[in-house]
Amino acid sequence: MEVLMIRDPVCLMTITPSHAVAMSEFGGRSYYFCSEECRDKFRERPQAFLNKAPGMRLTVGVMGSADSNQDDDIKDQVYQLGVAIAERGLVLITGACPGLPYACAEGVREAGGTSVGISPALSLDEHVHKYYSPADAYDVLIYTGSGLMGREVTNIRSSDMVIIVGGRSGTLGEFAIAFDEGKLIGVLRGSGGITSQLPAIVASFGKDTGSHIIYDADPVTLVSLLLTYYETHQFRRPSCFCDEQMDAAG
């Protein structure tokens, strides 16, 4: 089987993402390198190399409560998360629902970013009239026809990193998928719902899936910490679906 390659933007060597020695994020895009020396040259003068090889846009999945009756302070906190995601050049992915994910999408839209909604519906008409979900904050709506629960896997697997905001049992399900699949996860402290309970829940799991969790109450800081960890650690094993798989059974 032919293996799809990527190109080091500095030396132009072709490599696979799983065999890259280093990775760097710039403008919300990921660039992979054959050596730390090439990465360091890129970081010194990124503009000189951006047109040498394309970088992939990194995606952030924001999962949280679809309840529209949220505290104004929490809605503003999640809105500011959307602004932070857009300002870093990242692509937002949500379940295209009302509530906190919609507040985040509004922040992305107002900051001029890109937002993708993974709809449970089969069409725009069904999205609006059956699921009572908004459509005005998204650049793209992907119609899965999978229903509210079925689209959760698509949400998580389409995201390079996942952020949990508020939420109840449905959000806990999305968190569990992300955790079991070894994703990088951020938790927005102070956003209510299950976020205050997650440390104890994770401790009760008693297993290591390769997932790494970062907690912070400040949206800008949380996004920055996630990106730093992704480019220094997570890019080597972005999920359990890679060469060095770990046992996440149980």
C-alpha atoms as a PDB file:
ATOM      1  CA  MET A   1       0.000   0.000   0.000  1.00  0.00           C
ATOM      2  CA  GLU A   2       1.313   3.441  -0.907  1.00  0.00           C
ATOM      3  CA  VAL A   3       1.996   5.585   2.160  1.00  0.00           C
ATOM      4  CA  LEU A   4       0.975   9.223   1.905  1.00  0.00           C
ATOM      5  CA  MET A   5       3.887  11.468   2.765  1.00  0.00           C
ATOM      6  CA  ILE A   6       4.290  15.010   4.014  1.00  0.00           C
ATOM      7  CA  ARG A   7       7.186  17.349   3.322  1.00  0.00           C
ATOM      8  CA  ASP A   8       9.540  19.054   5.747  1.00  0.00           C
ATOM      9  CA  PRO A   9       9.176  22.744   4.762  1.00  0.00           C
ATOM     10  CA  VAL A  10      12.845  23.476   5.507  1.00  0.00           C
ATOM     11  CA  CYS A  11      14.838  20.693   3.836  1.00  0.00           C
ATOM     12  CA  LEU A  12      11.919  19.398   1.702  1.00  0.00           C
ATOM     13  CA  MET A  13      12.524  15.807   2.797  1.00  0.00           C
ATOM     14  CA  THR A  14       9.433  13.593   2.544  1.00  0.00           C
ATOM     15  CA  ILE A  15       8.399  11.957   5.809  1.00  0.00           C
ATOM     16  CA  THR A  16       5.337  10.402   7.390  1.00  0.00           C
ATOM     17  CA  PRO A  17       3.699  12.202  10.340  1.00  0.00           C
ATOM     18  CA  SER A  18       4.322   9.218  12.614  1.00  0.00           C
ATOM     19  CA  HIS A  19       8.055   9.312  11.854  1.00  0.00           C
ATOM     20  CA  ALA A  20       8.533  13.074  12.144  1.00  0.00           C
ATOM     21  CA  VAL A  21      11.177  13.990  14.708  1.00  0.00           C
ATOM     22  CA  ALA A  22       9.585  17.338  15.517  1.00  0.00           C
ATOM     23  CA  MET A  23       6.481  19.394  14.840  1.00  0.00           C
ATOM     24  CA  SER A  24       5.666  23.083  15.121  1.00  0.00           C
ATOM     25  CA  GLU A  25       2.409  25.019  15.048  1.00  0.00           C
ATOM     26  CA  PHE A  26       2.260  28.348  13.249  1.00  0.00           C
ATOM     27  CA  GLY A  27      -0.881  30.287  12.423  1.00  0.00           C
ATOM     28  CA  GLY A  28      -3.039  27.353  13.489  1.00  0.00           C
ATOM     29  CA  ARG A  29      -1.328  24.981  11.055  1.00  0.00           C
ATOM     30  CA  SER A  30       0.892  21.988  11.792  1.00  0.00           C
ATOM     31  CA  TYR A  31       4.319  21.558  10.179  1.00  0.00           C
ATOM     32  CA  TYR A  32       6.393  18.392  10.522  1.00  0.00           C
ATOM     33  CA  PHE A  33      10.171  18.082  10.434  1.00  0.00           C
ATOM     34  CA  CYS A  34      12.824  15.445   9.886  1.00  0.00           C
ATOM     35  CA  SER A  35      15.014  16.906  12.645  1.00  0.00           C
ATOM     36  CA  GLU A  36      15.008  19.365  15.507  1.00  0.00           C
ATOM     37  CA  GLU A  37      17.471  21.472  13.512  1.00  0.00           C
ATOM     38  CA  CYS A  38      14.924  21.952  10.722  1.00  0.00           C
ATOM     39  CA  ARG A  39      12.242  22.786  13.255  1.00  0.00           C
ATOM     40  CA  ASP A  40      14.474  25.396  14.905  1.00  0.00           C
ATOM     41  CA  LYS A  41      15.253  27.012  11.541  1.00  0.00           C
ATOM     42  CA  PHE A  42      11.535  27.167  10.821  1.00  0.00           C
ATOM     43  CA  ARG A  43      10.795  28.784  14.179  1.00  0.00           C
ATOM     44  CA  GLU A  44      13.486  31.418  13.608  1.00  0.00           C
ATOM     45  CA  ARG A  45      12.057  32.515  10.221  1.00  0.00           C
ATOM     46  CA  PRO A  46       8.703  30.787   9.595  1.00  0.00           C
ATOM     47  CA  GLN A  47       7.649  33.188   6.844  1.00  0.00           C
ATOM     48  CA  ALA A  48      10.599  32.029   4.731  1.00  0.00           C
ATOM     49  CA  PHE A  49       9.297  28.450   4.650  1.00  0.00           C
ATOM     50  CA  LEU A  50       5.492  28.687   4.639  1.00  0.00           C
ATOM     51  CA  ASN A  51       5.210  28.332   0.867  1.00  0.00           C
ATOM     52  CA  LYS A  52       7.658  25.428   0.663  1.00  0.00           C
ATOM     53  CA  ALA A  53       5.250  22.812   2.003  1.00  0.00           C
ATOM     54  CA  PRO A  54       1.606  23.114   3.088  1.00  0.00           C
ATOM     55  CA  GLY A  55       0.623  22.964   6.733  1.00  0.00           C
ATOM     56  CA  MET A  56      -2.571  21.287   7.899  1.00  0.00           C
ATOM     57  CA  ARG A  57      -5.118  23.364   9.831  1.00  0.00           C
ATOM     58  CA  LEU A  58      -5.415  22.093  13.401  1.00  0.00           C
ATOM     59  CA  THR A  59      -8.927  21.464  14.726  1.00  0.00           C
ATOM     60  CA  VAL A  60     -10.322  22.013  18.208  1.00  0.00           C
ATOM     61  CA  GLY A  61     -13.514  20.225  19.193  1.00  0.00           C
ATOM     62  CA  VAL A  62     -15.528  22.053  21.848  1.00  0.00           C
ATOM     63  CA  MET A  63     -18.029  19.803  23.605  1.00  0.00           C
ATOM     64  CA  GLY A  64     -20.523  21.013  26.188  1.00  0.00           C
ATOM     65  CA  SER A  65     -24.083  21.559  27.299  1.00  0.00           C
ATOM     66  CA  ALA A  66     -26.713  22.295  24.644  1.00  0.00           C
ATOM     67  CA  ASP A  67     -28.923  23.910  27.286  1.00  0.00           C
ATOM     68  CA  SER A  68     -29.510  27.542  26.302  1.00  0.00           C
ATOM     69  CA  ASN A  69     -30.271  28.548  29.900  1.00  0.00           C
ATOM     70  CA  GLN A  70     -26.700  29.186  30.962  1.00  0.00           C
ATOM     71  CA  ASP A  71     -25.241  31.702  33.381  1.00  0.00           C
ATOM     72  CA  ASP A  72     -24.147  34.826  31.479  1.00  0.00           C
ATOM     73  CA  ASP A  73     -20.641  34.667  32.947  1.00  0.00           C
ATOM     74  CA  ILE A  74     -20.192  31.101  31.723  1.00  0.00           C
ATOM     75  CA  LYS A  75     -21.537  31.940  28.259  1.00  0.00           C
ATOM     76  CA  ASP A  76     -19.087  34.838  28.048  1.00  0.00           C
ATOM     77  CA  GLN A  77     -16.220  32.593  29.186  1.00  0.00           C
ATOM     78  CA  VAL A  78     -17.028  30.092  26.420  1.00  0.00           C
ATOM     79  CA  TYR A  79     -17.535  32.919  23.899  1.00  0.00           C
ATOM     80  CA  GLN A  80     -14.022  34.132  24.752  1.00  0.00           C
ATOM     81  CA  LEU A  81     -12.788  30.581  24.194  1.00  0.00           C
ATOM     82  CA  GLY A  82     -14.131  30.843  20.649  1.00  0.00           C
ATOM     83  CA  VAL A  83     -12.323  34.148  20.175  1.00  0.00           C
ATOM     84  CA  ALA A  84      -9.075  32.575  21.411  1.00  0.00           C
ATOM     85  CA  ILE A  85      -9.475  29.617  19.040  1.00  0.00           C
ATOM     86  CA  ALA A  86     -10.037  31.944  16.074  1.00  0.00           C
ATOM     87  CA  GLU A  87      -7.169  34.249  16.954  1.00  0.00           C
ATOM     88  CA  ARG A  88      -4.764  31.291  16.960  1.00  0.00           C
ATOM     89  CA  GLY A  89      -5.929  30.303  13.471  1.00  0.00           C
ATOM     90  CA  LEU A  90      -7.488  27.027  14.610  1.00  0.00           C
ATOM     91  CA  VAL A  91     -10.660  25.481  13.187  1.00  0.00           C
ATOM     92  CA  LEU A  92     -13.532  24.973  15.620  1.00  0.00           C
ATOM     93  CA  ILE A  93     -15.568  21.765  15.521  1.00  0.00           C
ATOM     94  CA  THR A  94     -18.785  21.384  17.523  1.00  0.00           C
ATOM     95  CA  GLY A  95     -21.929  19.280  17.445  1.00  0.00           C
ATOM     96  CA  ALA A  96     -23.737  22.259  15.849  1.00  0.00           C
ATOM     97  CA  CYS A  97     -26.070  22.479  18.835  1.00  0.00           C
ATOM     98  CA  PRO A  98     -27.383  25.410  20.887  1.00  0.00           C
ATOM     99  CA  GLY A  99     -26.037  26.283  24.327  1.00  0.00           C
ATOM    100  CA  LEU A 100     -22.338  26.521  25.152  1.00  0.00           C
ATOM    101  CA  PRO A 101     -20.983  25.083  21.846  1.00  0.00           C
ATOM    102  CA  TYR A 102     -23.033  27.728  20.029  1.00  0.00           C
ATOM    103  CA  ALA A 103     -21.620  30.471  22.271  1.00  0.00           C
ATOM    104  CA  CYS A 104     -18.151  29.263  21.306  1.00  0.00           C
ATOM    105  CA  ALA A 105     -19.069  29.272  17.602  1.00  0.00           C
ATOM    106  CA  GLU A 106     -20.350  32.836  17.964  1.00  0.00           C
ATOM    107  CA  GLY A 107     -16.976  33.861  19.394  1.00  0.00           C
ATOM    108  CA  VAL A 108     -15.184  32.222  16.491  1.00  0.00           C
ATOM    109  CA  ARG A 109     -17.458  33.944  13.960  1.00  0.00           C
ATOM    110  CA  GLU A 110     -17.055  37.384  15.526  1.00  0.00           C
ATOM    111  CA  ALA A 111     -13.268  36.964  15.565  1.00  0.00           C
ATOM    112  CA  GLY A 112     -13.222  35.982  11.881  1.00  0.00           C
ATOM    113  CA  GLY A 113     -12.356  32.323  12.400  1.00  0.00           C
ATOM    114  CA  THR A 114     -13.578  29.100  10.815  1.00  0.00           C
ATOM    115  CA  SER A 115     -16.263  26.935  12.392  1.00  0.00           C
ATOM    116  CA  VAL A 116     -17.484  23.463  11.383  1.00  0.00           C
ATOM    117  CA  GLY A 117     -20.677  21.961  12.797  1.00  0.00           C
ATOM    118  CA  ILE A 118     -21.197  18.185  12.866  1.00  0.00           C
ATOM    119  CA  SER A 119     -24.977  17.931  12.604  1.00  0.00           C
ATOM    120  CA  PRO A 120     -27.042  14.964  13.811  1.00  0.00           C
ATOM    121  CA  ALA A 121     -29.465  15.650  10.945  1.00  0.00           C
ATOM    122  CA  LEU A 122     -29.773  14.582   7.328  1.00  0.00           C
ATOM    123  CA  SER A 123     -30.387  18.093   5.984  1.00  0.00           C
ATOM    124  CA  LEU A 124     -30.533  21.744   6.935  1.00  0.00           C
ATOM    125  CA  ASP A 125     -34.306  21.534   7.247  1.00  0.00           C
ATOM    126  CA  GLU A 126     -34.055  18.622   9.681  1.00  0.00           C
ATOM    127  CA  HIS A 127     -31.186  20.309  11.515  1.00  0.00           C
ATOM    128  CA  VAL A 128     -33.323  23.382  12.217  1.00  0.00           C
ATOM    129  CA  HIS A 129     -36.822  21.928  12.589  1.00  0.00           C
ATOM    130  CA  LYS A 130     -36.243  18.487  14.112  1.00  0.00           C
ATOM    131  CA  TYR A 131     -33.209  19.159  16.279  1.00  0.00           C
ATOM    132  CA  TYR A 132     -33.943  22.868  16.895  1.00  0.00           C
ATOM    133  CA  SER A 133     -30.308  23.686  16.249  1.00  0.00           C
ATOM    134  CA  PRO A 134     -28.711  26.887  14.941  1.00  0.00           C
ATOM    135  CA  ALA A 135     -27.035  27.219  11.563  1.00  0.00           C
ATOM    136  CA  ASP A 136     -25.931  30.854  11.457  1.00  0.00           C
ATOM    137  CA  ALA A 137     -22.548  30.566  13.195  1.00  0.00           C
ATOM    138  CA  TYR A 138     -20.977  27.894  10.995  1.00  0.00           C
ATOM    139  CA  ASP A 139     -18.914  28.045   7.830  1.00  0.00           C
ATOM    140  CA  VAL A 140     -19.673  24.383   7.136  1.00  0.00           C
ATOM    141  CA  LEU A 141     -22.388  22.025   8.381  1.00  0.00           C
ATOM    142  CA  ILE A 142     -21.719  18.310   7.906  1.00  0.00           C
ATOM    143  CA  TYR A 143     -24.936  16.288   7.915  1.00  0.00           C
ATOM    144  CA  THR A 144     -24.273  12.864   9.421  1.00  0.00           C
ATOM    145  CA  GLY A 145     -27.842  11.596   9.840  1.00  0.00           C
ATOM    146  CA  SER A 146     -26.458   9.808  12.902  1.00  0.00           C
ATOM    147  CA  GLY A 147     -28.637  11.399  15.559  1.00  0.00           C
ATOM    148  CA  LEU A 148     -27.486  13.143  18.705  1.00  0.00           C
ATOM    149  CA  MET A 149     -25.500  10.228  20.093  1.00  0.00           C
ATOM    150  CA  GLY A 150     -24.189   8.857  16.816  1.00  0.00           C
ATOM    151  CA  ARG A 151     -22.475  12.065  15.738  1.00  0.00           C
ATOM    152  CA  GLU A 152     -20.362  12.184  18.928  1.00  0.00           C
ATOM    153  CA  VAL A 153     -17.708   9.825  17.540  1.00  0.00           C
ATOM    154  CA  THR A 154     -17.415  11.969  14.402  1.00  0.00           C
ATOM    155  CA  ASN A 155     -17.006  15.067  16.585  1.00  0.00           C
ATOM    156  CA  ILE A 156     -14.130  13.557  18.536  1.00  0.00           C
ATOM    157  CA  ARG A 157     -12.305  11.872  15.666  1.00  0.00           C
ATOM    158  CA  SER A 158     -12.446  15.049  13.574  1.00  0.00           C
ATOM    159  CA  SER A 159     -10.709  17.024  16.349  1.00  0.00           C
ATOM    160  CA  ASP A 160      -6.961  17.216  16.939  1.00  0.00           C
ATOM    161  CA  MET A 161      -7.725  18.267  20.503  1.00  0.00           C
ATOM    162  CA  VAL A 162     -10.936  18.438  22.522  1.00  0.00           C
ATOM    163  CA  ILE A 163     -12.112  21.038  25.047  1.00  0.00           C
ATOM    164  CA  ILE A 164     -14.871  20.264  27.553  1.00  0.00           C
ATOM    165  CA  VAL A 165     -17.115  23.156  28.639  1.00  0.00           C
ATOM    166  CA  GLY A 166     -19.867  22.550  31.184  1.00  0.00           C
ATOM    167  CA  GLY A 167     -22.104  19.703  30.120  1.00  0.00           C
ATOM    168  CA  ARG A 168     -23.917  16.754  31.607  1.00  0.00           C
ATOM    169  CA  SER A 169     -24.237  13.078  30.627  1.00  0.00           C
ATOM    170  CA  GLY A 170     -23.950  13.705  26.858  1.00  0.00           C
ATOM    171  CA  THR A 171     -20.753  15.712  27.306  1.00  0.00           C
ATOM    172  CA  LEU A 172     -19.420  13.043  29.646  1.00  0.00           C
ATOM    173  CA  GLY A 173     -19.955  10.552  26.829  1.00  0.00           C
ATOM    174  CA  GLU A 174     -17.901  12.715  24.468  1.00  0.00           C
ATOM    175  CA  PHE A 175     -15.211  13.075  27.113  1.00  0.00           C
ATOM    176  CA  ALA A 176     -15.116   9.290  27.561  1.00  0.00           C
ATOM    177  CA  ILE A 177     -14.672   8.747  23.820  1.00  0.00           C
ATOM    178  CA  ALA A 178     -11.854  11.283  23.683  1.00  0.00           C
ATOM    179  CA  PHE A 179     -10.175   9.789  26.753  1.00  0.00           C
ATOM    180  CA  ASP A 180     -10.407   6.192  25.547  1.00  0.00           C
ATOM    181  CA  GLU A 181      -9.065   7.165  22.121  1.00  0.00           C
ATOM    182  CA  GLY A 182      -6.018   8.895  23.581  1.00  0.00           C
ATOM    183  CA  LYS A 183      -6.891  12.452  22.619  1.00  0.00           C
ATOM    184  CA  LEU A 184      -5.411  15.622  24.046  1.00  0.00           C
ATOM    185  CA  ILE A 185      -8.176  17.124  26.209  1.00  0.00           C
ATOM    186  CA  GLY A 186      -8.628  20.570  27.714  1.00  0.00           C
ATOM    187  CA  VAL A 187     -11.133  21.315  30.475  1.00  0.00           C
ATOM    188  CA  LEU A 188     -12.361  24.885  30.898  1.00  0.00           C
ATOM    189  CA  ARG A 189     -12.503  25.249  34.669  1.00  0.00           C
ATOM    190  CA  GLY A 190     -15.390  27.290  36.020  1.00  0.00           C
ATOM    191  CA  SER A 191     -17.691  26.506  33.097  1.00  0.00           C
ATOM    192  CA  GLY A 192     -19.994  24.406  35.272  1.00  0.00           C
ATOM    193  CA  GLY A 193     -21.536  21.009  34.633  1.00  0.00           C
ATOM    194  CA  ILE A 194     -19.203  18.033  34.809  1.00  0.00           C
ATOM    195  CA  THR A 195     -15.982  20.047  34.584  1.00  0.00           C
ATOM    196  CA  SER A 196     -15.490  20.206  38.370  1.00  0.00           C
ATOM    197  CA  GLN A 197     -16.031  16.450  38.673  1.00  0.00           C
ATOM    198  CA  LEU A 198     -13.701  15.280  35.924  1.00  0.00           C
ATOM    199  CA  PRO A 199     -10.505  14.956  38.015  1.00  0.00           C
ATOM    200  CA  ALA A 200     -12.242  12.484  40.348  1.00  0.00           C
ATOM    201  CA  ILE A 201     -13.887  10.665  37.441  1.00  0.00           C
ATOM    202  CA  VAL A 202     -10.550  10.241  35.660  1.00  0.00           C
ATOM    203  CA  ALA A 203      -8.889   9.020  38.857  1.00  0.00           C
ATOM    204  CA  SER A 204     -11.600   6.375  39.180  1.00  0.00           C
ATOM    205  CA  PHE A 205     -10.846   4.999  35.679  1.00  0.00           C
ATOM    206  CA  GLY A 206      -7.547   3.538  36.820  1.00  0.00           C
ATOM    207  CA  LYS A 207      -6.111   3.216  33.297  1.00  0.00           C
ATOM    208  CA  ASP A 208      -3.717   4.981  30.983  1.00  0.00           C
ATOM    209  CA  THR A 209      -4.981   5.417  27.423  1.00  0.00           C
ATOM    210  CA  GLY A 210      -2.349   7.939  26.391  1.00  0.00           C
ATOM    211  CA  SER A 211      -4.808  10.789  26.794  1.00  0.00           C
ATOM    212  CA  HIS A 212      -3.452  13.949  28.408  1.00  0.00           C
ATOM    213  CA  ILE A 213      -5.749  16.410  30.204  1.00  0.00           C
ATOM    214  CA  ILE A 214      -5.069  20.103  30.820  1.00  0.00           C
ATOM    215  CA  TYR A 215      -7.251  22.167  33.175  1.00  0.00           C
ATOM    216  CA  ASP A 216      -7.451  25.972  33.137  1.00  0.00           C
ATOM    217  CA  ALA A 217     -10.109  28.634  33.686  1.00  0.00           C
ATOM    218  CA  ASP A 218      -8.657  31.188  31.287  1.00  0.00           C
ATOM    219  CA  PRO A 219      -9.612  30.481  27.640  1.00  0.00           C
ATOM    220  CA  VAL A 220      -6.495  32.069  26.139  1.00  0.00           C
ATOM    221  CA  THR A 221      -4.181  30.218  28.504  1.00  0.00           C
ATOM    222  CA  LEU A 222      -5.976  26.911  27.947  1.00  0.00           C
ATOM    223  CA  VAL A 223      -5.655  27.128  24.154  1.00  0.00           C
ATOM    224  CA  SER A 224      -1.991  28.103  24.460  1.00  0.00           C
ATOM    225  CA  LEU A 225      -1.215  25.213  26.818  1.00  0.00           C
ATOM    226  CA  LEU A 226      -2.955  22.729  24.525  1.00  0.00           C
ATOM    227  CA  LEU A 227      -0.999  23.901  21.487  1.00  0.00           C
ATOM    228  CA  THR A 228       2.298  23.765  23.372  1.00  0.00           C
ATOM    229  CA  TYR A 229       1.639  20.208  24.527  1.00  0.00           C
ATOM    230  CA  TYR A 230       0.459  19.141  21.078  1.00  0.00           C
ATOM    231  CA  GLU A 231       3.594  20.339  19.317  1.00  0.00           C
ATOM    232  CA  THR A 232       5.980  18.950  21.931  1.00  0.00           C
ATOM    233  CA  HIS A 233       4.288  15.632  22.775  1.00  0.00           C
ATOM    234  CA  GLN A 234       0.868  14.825  21.317  1.00  0.00           C
ATOM    235  CA  PHE A 235       1.845  14.993  17.628  1.00  0.00           C
ATOM    236  CA  ARG A 236       3.846  11.785  18.118  1.00  0.00           C
ATOM    237  CA  ARG A 237       0.675   9.902  19.045  1.00  0.00           C
ATOM    238  CA  PRO A 238      -2.400  12.085  18.406  1.00  0.00           C
ATOM    239  CA  SER A 239      -4.825   9.242  19.172  1.00  0.00           C
ATOM    240  CA  CYS A 240      -4.904   5.481  19.704  1.00  0.00           C
ATOM    241  CA  PHE A 241      -5.249   4.975  15.938  1.00  0.00           C
ATOM    242  CA  CYS A 242      -1.560   5.056  15.109  1.00  0.00           C
ATOM    243  CA  ASP A 243       1.452   2.750  14.834  1.00  0.00           C
ATOM    244  CA  GLU A 244       2.236   2.606  18.566  1.00  0.00           C
ATOM    245  CA  GLN A 245      -1.167   1.576  19.860  1.00  0.00           C
ATOM    246  CA  MET A 246      -1.797   1.187  23.563  1.00  0.00           C
ATOM    247  CA  ASP A 247      -4.299  -1.119  25.205  1.00  0.00           C
ATOM    248  CA  ALA A 248      -7.320   1.015  26.065  1.00  0.00           C
ATOM    249  CA  ALA A 249      -9.682  -1.897  26.689  1.00  0.00           C
ATOM    250  CA  GLY A 250     -11.845  -1.965  29.741  1.00  0.00           C
END
